[in-house]
Amino acid sequence: MNFKSLVLATAFAAGAYAAQGDGMGLQAGVLPASWITSGPNCATVPDWQIHEYNDDFYILRESGCTNYEKPFLYLIFGQEKAILEDTGAGAAVQTAAFVMDLVAKWSKKKGRAAPVPLIVIHSHGHGDHTSGDKGFQSMANVQFIAATPEEIQKAAGIAKWPTDLGTIDLGGRMLDIIPIPGHQTASIAIYDRLTGNLLTGDSLYPGRLYAPEDAWLDYAASAQRLADFVMAHPVAHVLGTHIEQSRIAYADYPTGTVYQPNEHVLELTRAHVLELNQAFLNQQGKPAVVSLPDFTLMARPQRTPRPAAAAAKGPGTN
């Protein structure tokens, strides 16, 4: 296989933070104090960084030397199935072979006679999160869920989009699927009941949260729905799909930055979910740019949707 990867196993992640989840009845795991930030010498940077939060929850980061968006992907294993959130950025990304190799290795480590089936889902439908789709669509043992409200609704058993929740059962591991349109029409959050990790895609991460003006009210309603959810569930970490913020409050890296030596940590908290909701409430329905210490809510004019092929070739659309 023609990809390079670096594994940061849970037990050996240098500088990893202490395990989270203890005391909340959640499965513990660890996060690294920092990530590889795609430089300064790309010749030494792996195509993918793999971090094992624990044995059954992997966080994957695509190199900025491959695509400046440097998205995070999530691979979660249950007793019967695995699920991958997002497929990477850039026309040249080879996500399918890389991920299927990880699934095969995990299955072998667990004493499985064959790799577990894989579900592919998306945090939303922008090109920097769907560019590797084609590699999965014709694969055996893969259930591919297109990044549309209709397909997500059907796969997760969501009765009414976007106000109702859905679930996906991996076997001994239930995931809650929370529709949160606004950033994009098919945006979702995924809550892993075992770890208490909440995956929020491009709707909440340390960076610029783009909110199309014509979808501002949808985003606001989704922020309220997400706030209501975290008030009723234990949350270990809030994990998005990019890092654009620096470790300095209110400061971010410009679009297109490849090397981010002082970037913010990936994980946010329940408090940030509430902070996002309050930012929308304060605006009373009026689109604006709202700067906060760890992220910026950015209203922008509606854009003409690009065809999927163009989105895969061009710059990311987070």
C-alpha atoms as a PDB file:
ATOM      1  CA  MET A   1       0.000   0.000   0.000  1.00  0.00           C
ATOM      2  CA  ASN A   2       1.260   3.454  -0.876  1.00  0.00           C
ATOM      3  CA  PHE A   3       0.297   5.332   2.266  1.00  0.00           C
ATOM      4  CA  LYS A   4       2.478   6.260   5.196  1.00  0.00           C
ATOM      5  CA  SER A   5       1.045   6.277   8.676  1.00  0.00           C
ATOM      6  CA  LEU A   6       2.179   6.836  12.215  1.00  0.00           C
ATOM      7  CA  VAL A   7       0.467   5.053  15.076  1.00  0.00           C
ATOM      8  CA  LEU A   8       0.310   6.699  18.473  1.00  0.00           C
ATOM      9  CA  ALA A   9      -0.963   3.838  20.607  1.00  0.00           C
ATOM     10  CA  THR A  10      -2.839   4.715  23.749  1.00  0.00           C
ATOM     11  CA  ALA A  11      -0.226   3.372  26.135  1.00  0.00           C
ATOM     12  CA  PHE A  12       2.681   5.073  24.407  1.00  0.00           C
ATOM     13  CA  ALA A  13       1.335   8.459  23.322  1.00  0.00           C
ATOM     14  CA  ALA A  14       3.990  10.857  24.561  1.00  0.00           C
ATOM     15  CA  GLY A  15       2.519  13.633  26.601  1.00  0.00           C
ATOM     16  CA  ALA A  16      -0.964  12.135  26.470  1.00  0.00           C
ATOM     17  CA  TYR A  17      -3.541  13.580  28.789  1.00  0.00           C
ATOM     18  CA  ALA A  18      -4.893  11.487  31.651  1.00  0.00           C
ATOM     19  CA  ALA A  19      -7.716   9.073  30.930  1.00  0.00           C
ATOM     20  CA  GLN A  20     -11.164  10.626  30.690  1.00  0.00           C
ATOM     21  CA  GLY A  21     -14.450   8.975  31.490  1.00  0.00           C
ATOM     22  CA  ASP A  22     -13.584   7.635  34.941  1.00  0.00           C
ATOM     23  CA  GLY A  23     -16.189   8.579  37.491  1.00  0.00           C
ATOM     24  CA  MET A  24     -18.904   9.080  34.861  1.00  0.00           C
ATOM     25  CA  GLY A  25     -19.478   5.400  34.149  1.00  0.00           C
ATOM     26  CA  LEU A  26     -17.783   5.812  30.779  1.00  0.00           C
ATOM     27  CA  GLN A  27     -15.095   3.828  29.008  1.00  0.00           C
ATOM     28  CA  ALA A  28     -11.799   5.632  29.535  1.00  0.00           C
ATOM     29  CA  GLY A  29      -9.362   6.799  26.895  1.00  0.00           C
ATOM     30  CA  VAL A  30      -6.550   9.275  26.326  1.00  0.00           C
ATOM     31  CA  LEU A  31      -5.863  12.109  23.914  1.00  0.00           C
ATOM     32  CA  PRO A  32      -2.442  13.413  22.849  1.00  0.00           C
ATOM     33  CA  ALA A  33      -1.175  16.755  24.090  1.00  0.00           C
ATOM     34  CA  SER A  34      -0.432  17.695  20.465  1.00  0.00           C
ATOM     35  CA  TRP A  35      -0.736  16.372  16.916  1.00  0.00           C
ATOM     36  CA  ILE A  36       1.647  16.267  13.992  1.00  0.00           C
ATOM     37  CA  THR A  37       0.986  19.512  12.134  1.00  0.00           C
ATOM     38  CA  SER A  38       2.310  18.699   8.680  1.00  0.00           C
ATOM     39  CA  GLY A  39       5.751  20.201   8.731  1.00  0.00           C
ATOM     40  CA  PRO A  40       8.022  21.946   8.627  1.00  0.00           C
ATOM     41  CA  ASN A  41       9.480  19.176   6.425  1.00  0.00           C
ATOM     42  CA  CYS A  42       6.761  17.268   4.574  1.00  0.00           C
ATOM     43  CA  ALA A  43       9.201  14.533   3.570  1.00  0.00           C
ATOM     44  CA  THR A  44       9.188  13.348   7.182  1.00  0.00           C
ATOM     45  CA  VAL A  45       5.430  13.628   7.753  1.00  0.00           C
ATOM     46  CA  PRO A  46       3.195  10.536   7.449  1.00  0.00           C
ATOM     47  CA  ASP A  47       0.111  10.659   5.230  1.00  0.00           C
ATOM     48  CA  TRP A  48      -1.987   9.674   8.245  1.00  0.00           C
ATOM     49  CA  GLN A  49      -1.601   9.951  11.983  1.00  0.00           C
ATOM     50  CA  ILE A  50      -3.421   7.273  13.977  1.00  0.00           C
ATOM     51  CA  HIS A  51      -4.244   7.776  17.628  1.00  0.00           C
ATOM     52  CA  GLU A  52      -5.861   5.009  19.675  1.00  0.00           C
ATOM     53  CA  TYR A  53      -8.064   6.780  22.207  1.00  0.00           C
ATOM     54  CA  ASN A  54      -8.548   3.256  23.474  1.00  0.00           C
ATOM     55  CA  ASP A  55      -8.521  -0.205  21.900  1.00  0.00           C
ATOM     56  CA  ASP A  56     -11.821   0.349  20.086  1.00  0.00           C
ATOM     57  CA  PHE A  57     -11.872   4.077  19.330  1.00  0.00           C
ATOM     58  CA  TYR A  58      -9.396   5.454  16.779  1.00  0.00           C
ATOM     59  CA  ILE A  59      -8.820   9.053  15.761  1.00  0.00           C
ATOM     60  CA  LEU A  60      -7.224   9.512  12.327  1.00  0.00           C
ATOM     61  CA  ARG A  61      -5.734  12.732  11.006  1.00  0.00           C
ATOM     62  CA  GLU A  62      -4.937  13.345   7.373  1.00  0.00           C
ATOM     63  CA  SER A  63      -1.659  15.149   6.781  1.00  0.00           C
ATOM     64  CA  GLY A  64      -1.660  18.793   5.786  1.00  0.00           C
ATOM     65  CA  CYS A  65       1.029  17.839   3.282  1.00  0.00           C
ATOM     66  CA  THR A  66      -1.734  15.884   1.520  1.00  0.00           C
ATOM     67  CA  ASN A  67      -4.432  18.537   1.969  1.00  0.00           C
ATOM     68  CA  TYR A  68      -4.221  21.731   4.001  1.00  0.00           C
ATOM     69  CA  GLU A  69      -7.596  21.040   5.641  1.00  0.00           C
ATOM     70  CA  LYS A  70      -5.958  18.293   7.763  1.00  0.00           C
ATOM     71  CA  PRO A  71      -9.326  16.732   8.682  1.00  0.00           C
ATOM     72  CA  PHE A  72      -9.879  14.326  11.552  1.00  0.00           C
ATOM     73  CA  LEU A  73     -11.704  11.064  10.900  1.00  0.00           C
ATOM     74  CA  TYR A  74     -13.116   8.690  13.512  1.00  0.00           C
ATOM     75  CA  LEU A  75     -13.094   4.884  13.422  1.00  0.00           C
ATOM     76  CA  ILE A  76     -15.126   3.174  16.154  1.00  0.00           C
ATOM     77  CA  PHE A  77     -15.448  -0.572  16.711  1.00  0.00           C
ATOM     78  CA  GLY A  78     -18.313  -2.545  18.221  1.00  0.00           C
ATOM     79  CA  GLN A  79     -18.731  -6.266  18.735  1.00  0.00           C
ATOM     80  CA  GLU A  80     -20.348  -6.784  15.329  1.00  0.00           C
ATOM     81  CA  LYS A  81     -19.510  -3.752  13.169  1.00  0.00           C
ATOM     82  CA  ALA A  82     -17.218  -0.763  12.855  1.00  0.00           C
ATOM     83  CA  ILE A  83     -18.095   2.745  11.722  1.00  0.00           C
ATOM     84  CA  LEU A  84     -15.991   5.378   9.977  1.00  0.00           C
ATOM     85  CA  GLU A  85     -16.987   9.029  10.107  1.00  0.00           C
ATOM     86  CA  ASP A  86     -15.787  10.910   6.988  1.00  0.00           C
ATOM     87  CA  THR A  87     -13.460   9.837   4.191  1.00  0.00           C
ATOM     88  CA  GLY A  88     -10.886  12.617   3.902  1.00  0.00           C
ATOM     89  CA  ALA A  89      -9.957  15.574   1.720  1.00  0.00           C
ATOM     90  CA  GLY A  90      -8.365  15.992  -1.714  1.00  0.00           C
ATOM     91  CA  ALA A  91      -8.660  14.205  -5.030  1.00  0.00           C
ATOM     92  CA  ALA A  92      -5.614  12.035  -4.335  1.00  0.00           C
ATOM     93  CA  VAL A  93      -6.648  10.790  -0.906  1.00  0.00           C
ATOM     94  CA  GLN A  94      -6.558   6.975  -0.568  1.00  0.00           C
ATOM     95  CA  THR A  95      -8.694   6.510   2.508  1.00  0.00           C
ATOM     96  CA  ALA A  96     -10.381   3.195   1.704  1.00  0.00           C
ATOM     97  CA  ALA A  97      -7.270   1.027   1.536  1.00  0.00           C
ATOM     98  CA  PHE A  98      -5.835   2.685   4.629  1.00  0.00           C
ATOM     99  CA  VAL A  99      -8.989   2.238   6.714  1.00  0.00           C
ATOM    100  CA  MET A 100      -9.721  -1.303   5.568  1.00  0.00           C
ATOM    101  CA  ASP A 101      -6.182  -2.243   6.590  1.00  0.00           C
ATOM    102  CA  LEU A 102      -6.875  -0.843  10.063  1.00  0.00           C
ATOM    103  CA  VAL A 103     -10.147  -2.783  10.268  1.00  0.00           C
ATOM    104  CA  ALA A 104      -8.386  -5.999   9.249  1.00  0.00           C
ATOM    105  CA  LYS A 105      -5.628  -5.480  11.835  1.00  0.00           C
ATOM    106  CA  TRP A 106      -8.123  -4.702  14.599  1.00  0.00           C
ATOM    107  CA  SER A 107     -10.182  -7.772  13.720  1.00  0.00           C
ATOM    108  CA  LYS A 108      -7.107 -10.012  13.767  1.00  0.00           C
ATOM    109  CA  LYS A 109      -6.015  -8.589  17.131  1.00  0.00           C
ATOM    110  CA  LYS A 110      -9.454  -9.425  18.501  1.00  0.00           C
ATOM    111  CA  GLY A 111      -9.247 -13.006  17.225  1.00  0.00           C
ATOM    112  CA  ARG A 112     -11.801 -12.565  14.438  1.00  0.00           C
ATOM    113  CA  ALA A 113     -11.756 -15.009  11.561  1.00  0.00           C
ATOM    114  CA  ALA A 114     -12.602 -12.171   9.142  1.00  0.00           C
ATOM    115  CA  PRO A 115     -12.746  -8.355   9.265  1.00  0.00           C
ATOM    116  CA  VAL A 116     -15.904  -6.916  10.792  1.00  0.00           C
ATOM    117  CA  PRO A 117     -18.298  -5.107   8.433  1.00  0.00           C
ATOM    118  CA  LEU A 118     -17.731  -1.353   8.096  1.00  0.00           C
ATOM    119  CA  ILE A 119     -20.322   1.424   8.031  1.00  0.00           C
ATOM    120  CA  VAL A 120     -19.232   4.671   6.363  1.00  0.00           C
ATOM    121  CA  ILE A 121     -21.056   7.820   7.434  1.00  0.00           C
ATOM    122  CA  HIS A 122     -20.232  11.544   7.202  1.00  0.00           C
ATOM    123  CA  SER A 123     -20.260  14.473   9.588  1.00  0.00           C
ATOM    124  CA  HIS A 124     -21.671  16.487   6.663  1.00  0.00           C
ATOM    125  CA  GLY A 125     -21.497  16.660   2.893  1.00  0.00           C
ATOM    126  CA  HIS A 126     -18.630  19.063   2.112  1.00  0.00           C
ATOM    127  CA  GLY A 127     -15.860  17.896  -0.190  1.00  0.00           C
ATOM    128  CA  ASP A 128     -13.099  17.944   2.419  1.00  0.00           C
ATOM    129  CA  HIS A 129     -14.982  15.193   4.261  1.00  0.00           C
ATOM    130  CA  THR A 130     -16.262  13.105   1.353  1.00  0.00           C
ATOM    131  CA  SER A 131     -13.327  12.995  -1.087  1.00  0.00           C
ATOM    132  CA  GLY A 132     -12.499   9.359  -0.320  1.00  0.00           C
ATOM    133  CA  ASP A 133     -16.068   8.140  -0.821  1.00  0.00           C
ATOM    134  CA  LYS A 134     -15.517   6.481  -4.171  1.00  0.00           C
ATOM    135  CA  GLY A 135     -13.046   4.006  -2.734  1.00  0.00           C
ATOM    136  CA  PHE A 136     -15.683   2.631  -0.350  1.00  0.00           C
ATOM    137  CA  GLN A 137     -18.779   2.658  -2.534  1.00  0.00           C
ATOM    138  CA  SER A 138     -18.072  -0.542  -4.432  1.00  0.00           C
ATOM    139  CA  MET A 139     -16.434  -2.456  -1.577  1.00  0.00           C
ATOM    140  CA  ALA A 140     -17.891  -5.668  -0.218  1.00  0.00           C
ATOM    141  CA  ASN A 141     -18.521  -5.717   3.536  1.00  0.00           C
ATOM    142  CA  VAL A 142     -19.130  -1.941   3.540  1.00  0.00           C
ATOM    143  CA  GLN A 143     -22.426  -0.157   4.165  1.00  0.00           C
ATOM    144  CA  PHE A 144     -22.037   3.273   2.580  1.00  0.00           C
ATOM    145  CA  ILE A 145     -24.341   6.025   3.819  1.00  0.00           C
ATOM    146  CA  ALA A 146     -24.404   9.009   1.479  1.00  0.00           C
ATOM    147  CA  ALA A 147     -24.130  12.462   3.022  1.00  0.00           C
ATOM    148  CA  THR A 148     -27.762  13.445   2.529  1.00  0.00           C
ATOM    149  CA  PRO A 149     -30.511  13.887   5.135  1.00  0.00           C
ATOM    150  CA  GLU A 150     -32.615  11.216   3.426  1.00  0.00           C
ATOM    151  CA  GLU A 151     -29.918   8.537   3.513  1.00  0.00           C
ATOM    152  CA  ILE A 152     -28.855   9.333   7.083  1.00  0.00           C
ATOM    153  CA  GLN A 153     -32.469   9.361   8.207  1.00  0.00           C
ATOM    154  CA  LYS A 154     -33.064   5.929   6.685  1.00  0.00           C
ATOM    155  CA  ALA A 155     -29.858   4.369   8.031  1.00  0.00           C
ATOM    156  CA  ALA A 156     -30.264   5.695  11.572  1.00  0.00           C
ATOM    157  CA  GLY A 157     -34.037   5.294  11.844  1.00  0.00           C
ATOM    158  CA  ILE A 158     -34.682   9.019  12.354  1.00  0.00           C
ATOM    159  CA  ALA A 159     -38.444   9.513  12.328  1.00  0.00           C
ATOM    160  CA  LYS A 160     -38.437  13.259  11.614  1.00  0.00           C
ATOM    161  CA  TRP A 161     -35.459  15.267  10.356  1.00  0.00           C
ATOM    162  CA  PRO A 162     -33.987  17.260  12.011  1.00  0.00           C
ATOM    163  CA  THR A 163     -35.863  17.267  15.309  1.00  0.00           C
ATOM    164  CA  ASP A 164     -35.685  13.559  16.153  1.00  0.00           C
ATOM    165  CA  LEU A 165     -32.653  11.460  17.033  1.00  0.00           C
ATOM    166  CA  GLY A 166     -31.548   8.183  15.461  1.00  0.00           C
ATOM    167  CA  THR A 167     -29.275   5.345  16.506  1.00  0.00           C
ATOM    168  CA  ILE A 168     -26.750   2.992  14.948  1.00  0.00           C
ATOM    169  CA  ASP A 169     -25.962  -0.250  16.792  1.00  0.00           C
ATOM    170  CA  LEU A 170     -22.437  -1.626  16.291  1.00  0.00           C
ATOM    171  CA  GLY A 171     -23.097  -4.573  18.582  1.00  0.00           C
ATOM    172  CA  GLY A 172     -22.696  -3.814  22.262  1.00  0.00           C
ATOM    173  CA  ARG A 173     -22.046  -0.206  21.291  1.00  0.00           C
ATOM    174  CA  MET A 174     -24.884   2.200  20.555  1.00  0.00           C
ATOM    175  CA  LEU A 175     -24.317   5.514  18.788  1.00  0.00           C
ATOM    176  CA  ASP A 176     -26.823   8.355  18.892  1.00  0.00           C
ATOM    177  CA  ILE A 177     -27.173  10.250  15.612  1.00  0.00           C
ATOM    178  CA  ILE A 178     -28.188  13.875  16.150  1.00  0.00           C
ATOM    179  CA  PRO A 179     -29.221  15.955  13.115  1.00  0.00           C
ATOM    180  CA  ILE A 180     -27.644  19.411  13.361  1.00  0.00           C
ATOM    181  CA  PRO A 181     -28.134  21.113   9.954  1.00  0.00           C
ATOM    182  CA  GLY A 182     -26.900  24.669   9.565  1.00  0.00           C
ATOM    183  CA  HIS A 183     -23.260  24.491   8.626  1.00  0.00           C
ATOM    184  CA  GLN A 184     -24.482  22.137   5.893  1.00  0.00           C
ATOM    185  CA  THR A 185     -27.843  20.491   5.272  1.00  0.00           C
ATOM    186  CA  ALA A 186     -26.645  16.973   6.176  1.00  0.00           C
ATOM    187  CA  SER A 187     -24.638  17.931   9.285  1.00  0.00           C
ATOM    188  CA  ILE A 188     -24.888  15.491  12.178  1.00  0.00           C
ATOM    189  CA  ALA A 189     -23.335  14.898  15.581  1.00  0.00           C
ATOM    190  CA  ILE A 190     -22.550  11.397  16.799  1.00  0.00           C
ATOM    191  CA  TYR A 191     -22.605  10.475  20.489  1.00  0.00           C
ATOM    192  CA  ASP A 192     -20.783   7.323  21.560  1.00  0.00           C
ATOM    193  CA  ARG A 193     -22.522   6.061  24.682  1.00  0.00           C
ATOM    194  CA  LEU A 194     -19.548   3.948  25.776  1.00  0.00           C
ATOM    195  CA  THR A 195     -16.940   6.714  25.909  1.00  0.00           C
ATOM    196  CA  GLY A 196     -19.175   9.763  26.184  1.00  0.00           C
ATOM    197  CA  ASN A 197     -17.362  11.306  23.218  1.00  0.00           C
ATOM    198  CA  LEU A 198     -19.486  13.647  21.132  1.00  0.00           C
ATOM    199  CA  LEU A 199     -18.399  14.064  17.500  1.00  0.00           C
ATOM    200  CA  THR A 200     -19.546  17.424  16.166  1.00  0.00           C
ATOM    201  CA  GLY A 201     -18.022  17.624  12.682  1.00  0.00           C
ATOM    202  CA  ASP A 202     -17.606  21.150  11.333  1.00  0.00           C
ATOM    203  CA  SER A 203     -20.444  22.433  13.496  1.00  0.00           C
ATOM    204  CA  LEU A 204     -18.169  22.818  16.530  1.00  0.00           C
ATOM    205  CA  TYR A 205     -14.384  22.583  16.617  1.00  0.00           C
ATOM    206  CA  PRO A 206     -11.459  24.889  17.533  1.00  0.00           C
ATOM    207  CA  GLY A 207     -11.588  27.191  14.535  1.00  0.00           C
ATOM    208  CA  ARG A 208     -13.935  29.034  12.196  1.00  0.00           C
ATOM    209  CA  LEU A 209     -17.525  27.768  12.283  1.00  0.00           C
ATOM    210  CA  TYR A 210     -19.046  28.872   8.998  1.00  0.00           C
ATOM    211  CA  ALA A 211     -22.756  29.575   9.064  1.00  0.00           C
ATOM    212  CA  PRO A 212     -24.432  30.432   5.747  1.00  0.00           C
ATOM    213  CA  GLU A 213     -26.724  33.404   6.310  1.00  0.00           C
ATOM    214  CA  ASP A 214     -29.715  31.629   4.799  1.00  0.00           C
ATOM    215  CA  ALA A 215     -29.177  28.708   7.212  1.00  0.00           C
ATOM    216  CA  TRP A 216     -28.405  30.813  10.312  1.00  0.00           C
ATOM    217  CA  LEU A 217     -31.700  29.951  12.006  1.00  0.00           C
ATOM    218  CA  ASP A 218     -31.237  26.258  11.211  1.00  0.00           C
ATOM    219  CA  TYR A 219     -27.771  26.353  12.777  1.00  0.00           C
ATOM    220  CA  ALA A 220     -29.172  28.167  15.820  1.00  0.00           C
ATOM    221  CA  ALA A 221     -31.874  25.532  16.271  1.00  0.00           C
ATOM    222  CA  SER A 222     -29.240  22.799  15.960  1.00  0.00           C
ATOM    223  CA  ALA A 223     -27.043  24.499  18.576  1.00  0.00           C
ATOM    224  CA  GLN A 224     -29.999  24.542  20.961  1.00  0.00           C
ATOM    225  CA  ARG A 225     -30.745  20.871  20.237  1.00  0.00           C
ATOM    226  CA  LEU A 226     -27.113  19.962  20.878  1.00  0.00           C
ATOM    227  CA  ALA A 227     -27.074  21.980  24.113  1.00  0.00           C
ATOM    228  CA  ASP A 228     -30.189  20.179  25.292  1.00  0.00           C
ATOM    229  CA  PHE A 229     -28.556  16.851  24.488  1.00  0.00           C
ATOM    230  CA  VAL A 230     -25.338  17.493  26.439  1.00  0.00           C
ATOM    231  CA  MET A 231     -27.309  18.676  29.463  1.00  0.00           C
ATOM    232  CA  ALA A 232     -28.947  15.246  29.587  1.00  0.00           C
ATOM    233  CA  HIS A 233     -25.903  13.032  28.843  1.00  0.00           C
ATOM    234  CA  PRO A 234     -22.397  12.605  30.285  1.00  0.00           C
ATOM    235  CA  VAL A 235     -19.799  14.080  27.926  1.00  0.00           C
ATOM    236  CA  ALA A 236     -16.105  13.213  28.135  1.00  0.00           C
ATOM    237  CA  HIS A 237     -14.931  15.184  25.088  1.00  0.00           C
ATOM    238  CA  VAL A 238     -16.384  17.176  22.212  1.00  0.00           C
ATOM    239  CA  LEU A 239     -14.396  16.236  19.112  1.00  0.00           C
ATOM    240  CA  GLY A 240     -14.666  18.094  15.816  1.00  0.00           C
ATOM    241  CA  THR A 241     -13.066  17.557  12.424  1.00  0.00           C
ATOM    242  CA  HIS A 242     -10.487  20.369  12.148  1.00  0.00           C
ATOM    243  CA  ILE A 243      -8.140  22.504  14.204  1.00  0.00           C
ATOM    244  CA  GLU A 244      -7.701  26.077  12.952  1.00  0.00           C
ATOM    245  CA  GLN A 245      -7.342  27.843  16.275  1.00  0.00           C
ATOM    246  CA  SER A 246      -3.978  28.474  17.909  1.00  0.00           C
ATOM    247  CA  ARG A 247      -3.314  28.028  21.615  1.00  0.00           C
ATOM    248  CA  ILE A 248      -3.670  31.797  21.953  1.00  0.00           C
ATOM    249  CA  ALA A 249      -7.235  32.832  22.733  1.00  0.00           C
ATOM    250  CA  TYR A 250      -9.080  34.507  19.835  1.00  0.00           C
ATOM    251  CA  ALA A 251      -6.249  33.730  17.382  1.00  0.00           C
ATOM    252  CA  ASP A 252      -6.504  31.313  14.476  1.00  0.00           C
ATOM    253  CA  TYR A 253      -4.361  30.203  11.552  1.00  0.00           C
ATOM    254  CA  PRO A 254      -5.259  31.618   8.099  1.00  0.00           C
ATOM    255  CA  THR A 255      -7.056  29.409   5.596  1.00  0.00           C
ATOM    256  CA  GLY A 256      -4.557  27.305   3.687  1.00  0.00           C
ATOM    257  CA  THR A 257      -2.017  27.017   6.510  1.00  0.00           C
ATOM    258  CA  VAL A 258      -0.190  23.691   6.341  1.00  0.00           C
ATOM    259  CA  TYR A 259       2.139  23.895   9.334  1.00  0.00           C
ATOM    260  CA  GLN A 260       0.498  24.817  12.652  1.00  0.00           C
ATOM    261  CA  PRO A 261       3.153  24.375  15.353  1.00  0.00           C
ATOM    262  CA  ASN A 262       1.135  26.063  18.094  1.00  0.00           C
ATOM    263  CA  GLU A 263      -2.335  24.788  17.308  1.00  0.00           C
ATOM    264  CA  HIS A 264      -5.139  24.343  19.829  1.00  0.00           C
ATOM    265  CA  VAL A 265      -5.878  20.897  21.236  1.00  0.00           C
ATOM    266  CA  LEU A 266      -8.551  18.953  19.352  1.00  0.00           C
ATOM    267  CA  GLU A 267     -10.928  18.380  22.221  1.00  0.00           C
ATOM    268  CA  LEU A 268     -13.532  20.837  23.429  1.00  0.00           C
ATOM    269  CA  THR A 269     -15.996  20.380  26.292  1.00  0.00           C
ATOM    270  CA  ARG A 270     -19.662  20.457  27.200  1.00  0.00           C
ATOM    271  CA  ALA A 271     -19.127  24.122  28.142  1.00  0.00           C
ATOM    272  CA  HIS A 272     -18.199  24.930  24.537  1.00  0.00           C
ATOM    273  CA  VAL A 273     -21.472  23.418  23.313  1.00  0.00           C
ATOM    274  CA  LEU A 274     -23.337  25.703  25.697  1.00  0.00           C
ATOM    275  CA  GLU A 275     -21.164  28.644  24.653  1.00  0.00           C
ATOM    276  CA  LEU A 276     -22.033  28.065  20.988  1.00  0.00           C
ATOM    277  CA  ASN A 277     -25.726  27.962  21.802  1.00  0.00           C
ATOM    278  CA  GLN A 278     -25.482  31.151  23.850  1.00  0.00           C
ATOM    279  CA  ALA A 279     -23.711  32.901  20.986  1.00  0.00           C
ATOM    280  CA  PHE A 280     -26.673  32.170  18.731  1.00  0.00           C
ATOM    281  CA  LEU A 281     -29.167  33.216  21.417  1.00  0.00           C
ATOM    282  CA  ASN A 282     -27.345  36.514  21.896  1.00  0.00           C
ATOM    283  CA  GLN A 283     -27.650  37.307  18.189  1.00  0.00           C
ATOM    284  CA  GLN A 284     -31.433  36.894  18.261  1.00  0.00           C
ATOM    285  CA  GLY A 285     -31.532  35.516  14.745  1.00  0.00           C
ATOM    286  CA  LYS A 286     -29.164  38.088  13.216  1.00  0.00           C
ATOM    287  CA  PRO A 287     -26.205  36.599  11.301  1.00  0.00           C
ATOM    288  CA  ALA A 288     -22.847  37.963  12.434  1.00  0.00           C
ATOM    289  CA  VAL A 289     -19.215  37.186  13.161  1.00  0.00           C
ATOM    290  CA  VAL A 290     -18.898  36.256  16.834  1.00  0.00           C
ATOM    291  CA  SER A 291     -15.374  35.802  18.168  1.00  0.00           C
ATOM    292  CA  LEU A 292     -14.918  33.591  21.223  1.00  0.00           C
ATOM    293  CA  PRO A 293     -11.701  32.369  22.868  1.00  0.00           C
ATOM    294  CA  ASP A 294     -11.654  28.906  21.294  1.00  0.00           C
ATOM    295  CA  PHE A 295     -13.715  29.308  18.115  1.00  0.00           C
ATOM    296  CA  THR A 296     -15.318  31.936  15.894  1.00  0.00           C
ATOM    297  CA  LEU A 297     -18.871  31.775  14.610  1.00  0.00           C
ATOM    298  CA  MET A 298     -18.770  33.207  11.099  1.00  0.00           C
ATOM    299  CA  ALA A 299     -21.829  34.161   9.102  1.00  0.00           C
ATOM    300  CA  ARG A 300     -21.249  34.286   5.367  1.00  0.00           C
ATOM    301  CA  PRO A 301     -23.385  34.683   2.248  1.00  0.00           C
ATOM    302  CA  GLN A 302     -24.995  31.663   0.712  1.00  0.00           C
ATOM    303  CA  ARG A 303     -22.702  29.942  -1.772  1.00  0.00           C
ATOM    304  CA  THR A 304     -23.684  28.147  -4.930  1.00  0.00           C
ATOM    305  CA  PRO A 305     -23.227  24.418  -4.231  1.00  0.00           C
ATOM    306  CA  ARG A 306     -20.367  22.843  -6.161  1.00  0.00           C
ATOM    307  CA  PRO A 307     -20.647  19.449  -7.832  1.00  0.00           C
ATOM    308  CA  ALA A 308     -19.118  16.649  -5.740  1.00  0.00           C
ATOM    309  CA  ALA A 309     -16.302  16.099  -8.238  1.00  0.00           C
ATOM    310  CA  ALA A 310     -15.322  19.759  -8.137  1.00  0.00           C
ATOM    311  CA  ALA A 311     -15.439  19.800  -4.362  1.00  0.00           C
ATOM    312  CA  ALA A 312     -13.056  16.861  -4.246  1.00  0.00           C
ATOM    313  CA  LYS A 313     -10.552  18.578  -6.555  1.00  0.00           C
ATOM    314  CA  GLY A 314     -10.673  22.071  -5.167  1.00  0.00           C
ATOM    315  CA  PRO A 315      -9.985  23.610  -1.761  1.00  0.00           C
ATOM    316  CA  GLY A 316     -11.917  22.311   1.219  1.00  0.00           C
ATOM    317  CA  THR A 317     -15.363  23.646   1.994  1.00  0.00           C
ATOM    318  CA  ASN A 318     -15.455  23.552   5.758  1.00  0.00           C
END
